[in-house]
Amino acid sequence: MVRLYWTDEAKYWLKNIYDYIALDNPKAAKNVVYKIREKALILKLFPEIGGIYPDLDRKDIRVIYYTHYRIAYIIIDSQRIDILGVFHGSMELKNYIK
């Protein structure tokens, strides 16, 4: 089974999502972050389930969705996936992923 690694950048984005939502509703913020992390677990069983994001110059970066958030990841090898970040759907990924 593939192991998931959350990069520091991905953890940073999750914290920002939590902090923003928590301004109005801390319980909802906790739930959203939990659901995002839970959604990423599907990658352990189906690492190639995400689509290649067409606006990036890199073809090795894939994206899965949880509501209006995009979870960007890269398959390092058959044993490892790195979560690169979690981005709101209105954000241009090419500005954040190099």
Protein backbone atom coordinates (compact mmCIF):
# COMPACT_ATOMS: atom_id res chain seq x y z
CA MET A 1 0.00 0.00 0.00
CA VAL A 2 1.16 3.50 -0.81
CA ARG A 3 2.14 5.83 2.04
CA LEU A 4 0.95 9.43 2.03
CA TYR A 5 3.23 12.25 3.11
CA TRP A 6 1.86 15.73 3.74
CA THR A 7 4.51 18.26 2.79
CA ASP A 8 5.07 21.29 5.01
CA GLU A 9 3.44 23.35 2.27
CA ALA A 10 0.33 21.16 2.32
CA LYS A 11 0.14 21.41 6.11
CA TYR A 12 0.43 25.19 5.77
CA TRP A 13 -2.51 25.29 3.35
CA LEU A 14 -4.63 23.09 5.61
CA LYS A 15 -3.91 25.40 8.53
CA ASN A 16 -4.91 28.42 6.45
CA ILE A 17 -8.16 26.72 5.46
CA TYR A 18 -8.86 25.90 9.08
CA ASP A 19 -8.03 29.40 10.29
CA TYR A 20 -10.22 31.07 7.68
CA ILE A 21 -13.28 28.92 8.33
CA ALA A 22 -12.74 28.99 12.10
CA LEU A 23 -13.23 32.74 12.13
CA ASP A 24 -16.94 31.99 11.75
CA ASN A 25 -17.27 28.39 12.85
CA PRO A 26 -14.44 26.41 14.52
CA LYS A 27 -16.44 23.18 14.46
CA ALA A 28 -17.02 23.47 10.71
CA ALA A 29 -13.34 24.29 10.19
CA LYS A 30 -12.29 21.13 12.00
CA ASN A 31 -14.77 19.09 9.96
CA VAL A 32 -13.59 20.49 6.61
CA VAL A 33 -9.93 19.78 7.36
CA TYR A 34 -10.83 16.28 8.57
CA LYS A 35 -12.81 15.60 5.37
CA ILE A 36 -9.98 16.86 3.18
CA ARG A 37 -7.52 14.54 4.91
CA GLU A 38 -10.02 11.69 4.68
CA LYS A 39 -10.52 12.30 0.95
CA ALA A 40 -6.75 12.07 0.41
CA LEU A 41 -6.73 8.57 1.89
CA ILE A 42 -8.28 7.23 -1.33
CA LEU A 43 -4.84 7.75 -2.89
CA LYS A 44 -3.47 4.88 -0.82
CA LEU A 45 -5.65 2.47 -2.78
CA PHE A 46 -5.93 4.34 -6.08
CA PRO A 47 -2.84 6.52 -6.52
CA GLU A 48 -3.62 7.45 -10.12
CA ILE A 49 -7.26 8.40 -9.52
CA GLY A 50 -6.54 12.11 -9.80
CA GLY A 51 -6.48 13.92 -13.07
CA ILE A 52 -3.42 15.60 -14.50
CA TYR A 53 -3.92 19.32 -14.06
CA PRO A 54 -3.76 20.76 -17.59
CA ASP A 55 -2.56 24.27 -16.71
CA LEU A 56 0.69 23.08 -15.17
CA ASP A 57 3.76 22.39 -17.25
CA ARG A 58 4.34 19.25 -15.19
CA LYS A 59 2.52 16.05 -16.08
CA ASP A 60 3.50 14.24 -12.87
CA ILE A 61 1.26 16.35 -10.65
CA ARG A 62 -2.30 15.17 -10.18
CA VAL A 63 -5.36 16.61 -8.50
CA ILE A 64 -8.37 15.17 -6.67
CA TYR A 65 -11.28 17.22 -5.39
CA TYR A 66 -13.13 17.67 -2.14
CA THR A 67 -16.02 20.09 -2.67
CA HIS A 68 -14.37 23.27 -4.01
CA TYR A 69 -10.88 22.35 -2.81
CA ARG A 70 -8.22 20.75 -4.99
CA ILE A 71 -5.76 18.37 -3.37
CA ALA A 72 -2.58 18.44 -5.45
CA TYR A 73 -0.18 15.52 -5.20
CA ILE A 74 2.73 13.82 -6.87
CA ILE A 75 3.40 10.10 -7.11
CA ILE A 76 7.01 9.70 -6.04
CA ASP A 77 7.12 5.94 -6.63
CA SER A 78 4.96 2.85 -6.06
CA GLN A 79 5.32 3.28 -2.29
CA ARG A 80 5.03 7.04 -1.80
CA ILE A 81 2.74 9.95 -2.62
CA ASP A 82 3.45 13.50 -1.50
CA ILE A 83 0.52 15.83 -0.96
CA LEU A 84 1.73 19.17 -2.30
CA GLY A 85 -1.09 21.41 -1.21
CA VAL A 86 -4.81 21.98 -0.82
CA PHE A 87 -6.13 24.86 -2.86
CA HIS A 88 -9.45 26.61 -3.16
CA GLY A 89 -10.99 26.15 -6.59
CA SER A 90 -10.65 29.86 -7.39
CA MET A 91 -6.86 29.74 -7.05
CA GLU A 92 -4.55 29.24 -10.03
CA LEU A 93 -2.45 26.19 -9.16
CA LYS A 94 0.31 27.21 -11.56
CA ASN A 95 0.99 30.21 -9.30
CA TYR A 96 1.62 27.97 -6.29
CA ILE A 97 3.14 24.76 -7.63
CA LYS A 98 6.48 24.96 -9.37
